[in-house]
PDB file of N, CA and C in Angstrom:
ATOM      1  N   MET A   1      26.140  19.692 -36.014  1.00  0.00           N
ATOM      2  CA  MET A   1      26.590  20.473 -34.865  1.00  0.00           C
ATOM      3  C   MET A   1      25.746  21.620 -34.585  1.00  0.00           C
ATOM      4  N   ARG A   2      25.251  22.349 -35.628  1.00  0.00           N
ATOM      5  CA  ARG A   2      24.448  23.567 -35.538  1.00  0.00           C
ATOM      6  C   ARG A   2      23.056  23.148 -34.835  1.00  0.00           C
ATOM      7  N   VAL A   3      22.513  21.977 -35.184  1.00  0.00           N
ATOM      8  CA  VAL A   3      21.237  21.548 -34.570  1.00  0.00           C
ATOM      9  C   VAL A   3      21.410  21.249 -33.120  1.00  0.00           C
ATOM     10  N   PHE A   4      22.534  20.711 -32.648  1.00  0.00           N
ATOM     11  CA  PHE A   4      22.785  20.534 -31.223  1.00  0.00           C
ATOM     12  C   PHE A   4      22.897  21.880 -30.400  1.00  0.00           C
ATOM     13  N   LYS A   5      23.558  22.907 -31.119  1.00  0.00           N
ATOM     14  CA  LYS A   5      23.632  24.147 -30.477  1.00  0.00           C
ATOM     15  C   LYS A   5      22.327  24.870 -30.321  1.00  0.00           C
ATOM     16  N   LEU A   6      21.417  24.716 -31.315  1.00  0.00           N
ATOM     17  CA  LEU A   6      20.092  25.358 -31.283  1.00  0.00           C
ATOM     18  C   LEU A   6      19.229  24.509 -30.147  1.00  0.00           C
ATOM     19  N   LEU A   7      19.427  23.285 -30.147  1.00  0.00           N
ATOM     20  CA  LEU A   7      18.616  22.523 -29.061  1.00  0.00           C
ATOM     21  C   LEU A   7      19.038  22.958 -27.720  1.00  0.00           C
ATOM     22  N   PHE A   8      20.424  23.165 -27.488  1.00  0.00           N
ATOM     23  CA  PHE A   8      20.970  23.535 -26.251  1.00  0.00           C
ATOM     24  C   PHE A   8      20.388  24.938 -25.808  1.00  0.00           C
ATOM     25  N   ILE A   9      20.383  25.850 -26.828  1.00  0.00           N
ATOM     26  CA  ILE A   9      19.937  27.203 -26.467  1.00  0.00           C
ATOM     27  C   ILE A   9      18.415  27.061 -26.201  1.00  0.00           C
ATOM     28  N   PHE A  10      17.656  26.264 -26.769  1.00  0.00           N
ATOM     29  CA  PHE A  10      16.200  26.034 -26.567  1.00  0.00           C
ATOM     30  C   PHE A  10      16.026  25.623 -25.233  1.00  0.00           C
ATOM     31  N   TYR A  11      16.737  24.595 -24.649  1.00  0.00           N
ATOM     32  CA  TYR A  11      16.554  24.003 -23.370  1.00  0.00           C
ATOM     33  C   TYR A  11      16.959  24.942 -22.297  1.00  0.00           C
ATOM     34  N   ILE A  12      18.007  25.857 -22.568  1.00  0.00           N
ATOM     35  CA  ILE A  12      18.404  26.819 -21.648  1.00  0.00           C
ATOM     36  C   ILE A  12      17.280  27.923 -21.475  1.00  0.00           C
ATOM     37  N   ILE A  13      16.799  28.294 -22.531  1.00  0.00           N
ATOM     38  CA  ILE A  13      15.631  29.323 -22.552  1.00  0.00           C
ATOM     39  C   ILE A  13      14.407  28.732 -21.837  1.00  0.00           C
ATOM     40  N   GLN A  14      14.048  27.466 -22.051  1.00  0.00           N
ATOM     41  CA  GLN A  14      12.978  26.851 -21.350  1.00  0.00           C
ATOM     42  C   GLN A  14      13.191  26.714 -19.876  1.00  0.00           C
ATOM     43  N   ALA A  15      14.372  26.453 -19.478  1.00  0.00           N
ATOM     44  CA  ALA A  15      14.806  26.347 -18.059  1.00  0.00           C
ATOM     45  C   ALA A  15      14.783  27.765 -17.232  1.00  0.00           C
ATOM     46  N   ILE A  16      15.064  28.758 -18.115  1.00  0.00           N
ATOM     47  CA  ILE A  16      15.110  30.114 -17.426  1.00  0.00           C
ATOM     48  C   ILE A  16      13.763  30.753 -17.253  1.00  0.00           C
ATOM     49  N   ILE A  17      12.841  30.582 -18.310  1.00  0.00           N
ATOM     50  CA  ILE A  17      11.573  31.305 -18.313  1.00  0.00           C
ATOM     51  C   ILE A  17      10.598  30.461 -17.371  1.00  0.00           C
ATOM     52  N   PRO A  18      10.083  31.253 -16.393  1.00  0.00           N
ATOM     53  CA  PRO A  18       9.235  30.655 -15.332  1.00  0.00           C
ATOM     54  C   PRO A  18       7.894  30.187 -16.070  1.00  0.00           C
ATOM     55  N   GLN A  19       7.361  29.029 -15.558  1.00  0.00           N
ATOM     56  CA  GLN A  19       6.195  28.514 -16.106  1.00  0.00           C
ATOM     57  C   GLN A  19       5.240  28.169 -14.918  1.00  0.00           C
ATOM     58  N   LYS A  20       3.924  28.174 -15.203  1.00  0.00           N
ATOM     59  CA  LYS A  20       2.994  27.730 -14.179  1.00  0.00           C
ATOM     60  C   LYS A  20       3.162  26.341 -13.819  1.00  0.00           C
ATOM     61  N   ALA A  21       3.172  26.030 -12.497  1.00  0.00           N
ATOM     62  CA  ALA A  21       3.236  24.553 -12.119  1.00  0.00           C
ATOM     63  C   ALA A  21       1.903  24.162 -11.667  1.00  0.00           C
ATOM     64  N   CYS A  22       1.312  23.102 -12.269  1.00  0.00           N
ATOM     65  CA  CYS A  22       0.057  22.471 -11.916  1.00  0.00           C
ATOM     66  C   CYS A  22       0.434  21.238 -11.124  1.00  0.00           C
ATOM     67  N   ALA A  23       0.684  21.422  -9.866  1.00  0.00           N
ATOM     68  CA  ALA A  23       0.983  20.374  -8.990  1.00  0.00           C
ATOM     69  C   ALA A  23       0.019  20.099  -7.847  1.00  0.00           C
ATOM     70  N   TYR A  24      -0.005  18.831  -7.399  1.00  0.00           N
ATOM     71  CA  TYR A  24      -0.920  18.446  -6.442  1.00  0.00           C
ATOM     72  C   TYR A  24      -0.143  17.718  -5.283  1.00  0.00           C
ATOM     73  N   LEU A  25      -0.264  18.040  -4.025  1.00  0.00           N
ATOM     74  CA  LEU A  25       0.472  17.291  -2.991  1.00  0.00           C
ATOM     75  C   LEU A  25      -0.692  16.631  -2.137  1.00  0.00           C
ATOM     76  N   ASP A  26      -0.673  15.338  -2.241  1.00  0.00           N
ATOM     77  CA  ASP A  26      -1.677  14.612  -1.452  1.00  0.00           C
ATOM     78  C   ASP A  26      -1.301  14.470  -0.035  1.00  0.00           C
ATOM     79  N   PRO A  27      -2.145  13.999   0.915  1.00  0.00           N
ATOM     80  CA  PRO A  27      -1.808  13.909   2.277  1.00  0.00           C
ATOM     81  C   PRO A  27      -0.589  12.967   2.639  1.00  0.00           C
ATOM     82  N   GLY A  28      -0.408  11.918   1.748  1.00  0.00           N
ATOM     83  CA  GLY A  28       0.701  11.039   1.968  1.00  0.00           C
ATOM     84  C   GLY A  28       2.111  11.616   1.668  1.00  0.00           C
ATOM     85  N   THR A  29       2.139  12.836   1.061  1.00  0.00           N
ATOM     86  CA  THR A  29       3.478  13.412   0.728  1.00  0.00           C
ATOM     87  C   THR A  29       4.146  13.780   1.975  1.00  0.00           C
ATOM     88  N   GLY A  30       3.492  14.327   2.962  1.00  0.00           N
ATOM     89  CA  GLY A  30       4.215  14.706   4.184  1.00  0.00           C
ATOM     90  C   GLY A  30       4.720  13.579   4.933  1.00  0.00           C
ATOM     91  N   SER A  31       4.085  12.496   5.100  1.00  0.00           N
ATOM     92  CA  SER A  31       4.616  11.348   5.722  1.00  0.00           C
ATOM     93  C   SER A  31       5.796  10.810   4.929  1.00  0.00           C
ATOM     94  N   MET A  32       5.747  10.827   3.624  1.00  0.00           N
ATOM     95  CA  MET A  32       6.967  10.360   2.836  1.00  0.00           C
ATOM     96  C   MET A  32       8.214  11.210   3.073  1.00  0.00           C
ATOM     97  N   ILE A  33       7.905  12.516   3.163  1.00  0.00           N
ATOM     98  CA  ILE A  33       9.035  13.411   3.430  1.00  0.00           C
ATOM     99  C   ILE A  33       9.643  13.168   4.860  1.00  0.00           C
ATOM    100  N   VAL A  34       8.732  12.968   5.802  1.00  0.00           N
ATOM    101  CA  VAL A  34       9.215  12.597   7.175  1.00  0.00           C
ATOM    102  C   VAL A  34      10.017  11.224   7.075  1.00  0.00           C
ATOM    103  N   GLN A  35       9.614  10.283   6.451  1.00  0.00           N
ATOM    104  CA  GLN A  35      10.284   9.016   6.389  1.00  0.00           C
ATOM    105  C   GLN A  35      11.755   9.219   5.748  1.00  0.00           C
ATOM    106  N   LEU A  36      11.763  10.024   4.670  1.00  0.00           N
ATOM    107  CA  LEU A  36      13.077  10.253   4.029  1.00  0.00           C
ATOM    108  C   LEU A  36      14.005  10.942   4.983  1.00  0.00           C
ATOM    109  N   ILE A  37      13.528  11.845   5.736  1.00  0.00           N
ATOM    110  CA  ILE A  37      14.477  12.597   6.780  1.00  0.00           C
ATOM    111  C   ILE A  37      14.858  11.642   7.814  1.00  0.00           C
ATOM    112  N   VAL A  38      13.904  10.798   8.319  1.00  0.00           N
ATOM    113  CA  VAL A  38      14.294   9.886   9.355  1.00  0.00           C
ATOM    114  C   VAL A  38      15.297   8.785   8.910  1.00  0.00           C
ATOM    115  N   ALA A  39      15.012   8.313   7.694  1.00  0.00           N
ATOM    116  CA  ALA A  39      15.970   7.318   7.052  1.00  0.00           C
ATOM    117  C   ALA A  39      17.391   7.922   6.803  1.00  0.00           C
ATOM    118  N   GLY A  40      17.421   9.115   6.410  1.00  0.00           N
ATOM    119  CA  GLY A  40      18.688   9.780   6.143  1.00  0.00           C
ATOM    120  C   GLY A  40      19.444   9.987   7.374  1.00  0.00           C
ATOM    121  N   ILE A  41      18.844  10.350   8.511  1.00  0.00           N
ATOM    122  CA  ILE A  41      19.470  10.492   9.769  1.00  0.00           C
ATOM    123  C   ILE A  41      19.977   9.123  10.299  1.00  0.00           C
ATOM    124  N   ALA A  42      19.161   8.122  10.219  1.00  0.00           N
ATOM    125  CA  ALA A  42      19.518   6.849  10.695  1.00  0.00           C
ATOM    126  C   ALA A  42      20.639   6.300   9.837  1.00  0.00           C
ATOM    127  N   GLY A  43      20.665   6.455   8.542  1.00  0.00           N
ATOM    128  CA  GLY A  43      21.754   6.021   7.708  1.00  0.00           C
ATOM    129  C   GLY A  43      23.093   6.693   7.972  1.00  0.00           C
ATOM    130  N   LEU A  44      23.037   8.033   8.202  1.00  0.00           N
ATOM    131  CA  LEU A  44      24.152   8.835   8.558  1.00  0.00           C
ATOM    132  C   LEU A  44      24.744   8.391   9.927  1.00  0.00           C
ATOM    133  N   GLY A  45      23.847   8.118  10.897  1.00  0.00           N
ATOM    134  CA  GLY A  45      24.292   7.578  12.114  1.00  0.00           C
ATOM    135  C   GLY A  45      25.036   6.210  12.019  1.00  0.00           C
ATOM    136  N   CYS A  46      24.389   5.271  11.264  1.00  0.00           N
ATOM    137  CA  CYS A  46      25.025   4.018  11.116  1.00  0.00           C
ATOM    138  C   CYS A  46      26.410   4.171  10.329  1.00  0.00           C
ATOM    139  N   THR A  47      26.529   4.950   9.274  1.00  0.00           N
ATOM    140  CA  THR A  47      27.773   5.265   8.657  1.00  0.00           C
ATOM    141  C   THR A  47      28.904   5.737   9.574  1.00  0.00           C
ATOM    142  N   ILE A  48      28.465   6.703  10.446  1.00  0.00           N
ATOM    143  CA  ILE A  48      29.406   7.229  11.317  1.00  0.00           C
ATOM    144  C   ILE A  48      29.924   6.211  12.362  1.00  0.00           C
ATOM    145  N   ALA A  49      28.941   5.406  12.786  1.00  0.00           N
ATOM    146  CA  ALA A  49      29.317   4.352  13.730  1.00  0.00           C
ATOM    147  C   ALA A  49      30.293   3.401  13.173  1.00  0.00           C
ATOM    148  N   VAL A  50      30.051   2.979  11.821  1.00  0.00           N
ATOM    149  CA  VAL A  50      30.886   1.947  11.244  1.00  0.00           C
ATOM    150  C   VAL A  50      32.342   2.515  11.022  1.00  0.00           C
ATOM    151  N   TRP A  51      32.314   3.768  10.496  1.00  0.00           N
ATOM    152  CA  TRP A  51      33.643   4.366  10.113  1.00  0.00           C
ATOM    153  C   TRP A  51      34.383   4.659  11.525  1.00  0.00           C
ATOM    154  N   LYS A  52      33.687   5.043  12.488  1.00  0.00           N
ATOM    155  CA  LYS A  52      34.453   5.360  13.811  1.00  0.00           C
ATOM    156  C   LYS A  52      35.123   4.151  14.232  1.00  0.00           C
ATOM    157  N   ASN A  53      34.431   3.030  14.343  1.00  0.00           N
ATOM    158  CA  ASN A  53      35.028   1.670  14.798  1.00  0.00           C
ATOM    159  C   ASN A  53      36.245   1.292  13.967  1.00  0.00           C
ATOM    160  N   LYS A  54      36.144   1.408  12.580  1.00  0.00           N
ATOM    161  CA  LYS A  54      37.259   1.082  11.742  1.00  0.00           C
ATOM    162  C   LYS A  54      38.438   1.974  12.011  1.00  0.00           C
ATOM    163  N   ILE A  55      38.295   3.272  12.135  1.00  0.00           N
ATOM    164  CA  ILE A  55      39.299   4.193  12.361  1.00  0.00           C
ATOM    165  C   ILE A  55      40.048   3.900  13.725  1.00  0.00           C
ATOM    166  N   ILE A  56      39.144   3.646  14.748  1.00  0.00           N
ATOM    167  CA  ILE A  56      39.734   3.294  16.156  1.00  0.00           C
ATOM    168  C   ILE A  56      40.476   1.979  15.985  1.00  0.00           C
ATOM    169  N   LYS A  57      40.021   1.033  15.334  1.00  0.00           N
ATOM    170  CA  LYS A  57      40.770  -0.251  15.267  1.00  0.00           C
ATOM    171  C   LYS A  57      42.112  -0.056  14.553  1.00  0.00           C
ATOM    172  N   PHE A  58      42.045   0.779  13.512  1.00  0.00           N
ATOM    173  CA  PHE A  58      43.271   0.974  12.644  1.00  0.00           C
ATOM    174  C   PHE A  58      44.402   1.585  13.547  1.00  0.00           C
ATOM    175  N   PHE A  59      44.014   2.669  14.351  1.00  0.00           N
ATOM    176  CA  PHE A  59      45.040   3.138  15.112  1.00  0.00           C
ATOM    177  C   PHE A  59      45.446   2.418  16.344  1.00  0.00           C
ATOM    178  N   ARG A  60      44.583   1.547  16.821  1.00  0.00           N
ATOM    179  CA  ARG A  60      44.944   0.714  17.928  1.00  0.00           C
ATOM    180  C   ARG A  60      45.868  -0.430  17.523  1.00  0.00           C
ATOM    181  N   LYS A  61      45.657  -0.887  16.224  1.00  0.00           N
ATOM    182  CA  LYS A  61      46.461  -1.964  15.734  1.00  0.00           C
ATOM    183  C   LYS A  61      47.941  -1.571  15.684  1.00  0.00           C
ATOM    184  N   GLY A  62      48.245  -0.255  15.341  1.00  0.00           N
ATOM    185  CA  GLY A  62      49.621   0.258  15.219  1.00  0.00           C
ATOM    186  C   GLY A  62      50.363   0.671  16.579  1.00  0.00           C
ATOM    187  N   SER A  63      49.535   0.690  17.654  1.00  0.00           N
ATOM    188  CA  SER A  63      50.043   1.122  18.890  1.00  0.00           C
ATOM    189  C   SER A  63      50.862   0.007  19.631  1.00  0.00           C
ATOM    190  N   LYS A  64      51.881   0.395  20.355  1.00  0.00           N
ATOM    191  CA  LYS A  64      52.632  -0.640  20.991  1.00  0.00           C
ATOM    192  C   LYS A  64      52.243  -0.986  22.380  1.00  0.00           C
ATOM    193  N   ASP A  65      51.003  -0.406  22.881  1.00  0.00           N
ATOM    194  CA  ASP A  65      50.594  -0.648  24.178  1.00  0.00           C
ATOM    195  C   ASP A  65      49.937  -2.032  24.355  1.00  0.00           C
ATOM    196  N   ASP A  66      49.503  -2.658  23.205  1.00  0.00           N
ATOM    197  CA  ASP A  66      48.841  -3.954  23.337  1.00  0.00           C
ATOM    198  C   ASP A  66      49.823  -5.067  23.691  1.00  0.00           C
TER     199      ASP A  66
END
């Protein structure tokens, strides 16, 4: 149990201390980010459309106007 506590403390210290990031963003990264944003918006729109129709059908089924 003591070993797990020491490892946990070690990982917390590593996460807190800032380190130099050696990262490279190639030209394709920008287009990938744009694709993720567009796909997220399209998925959200489809999800809203599906749930909207289900909710409307549920409430119309219970009405006595039909």
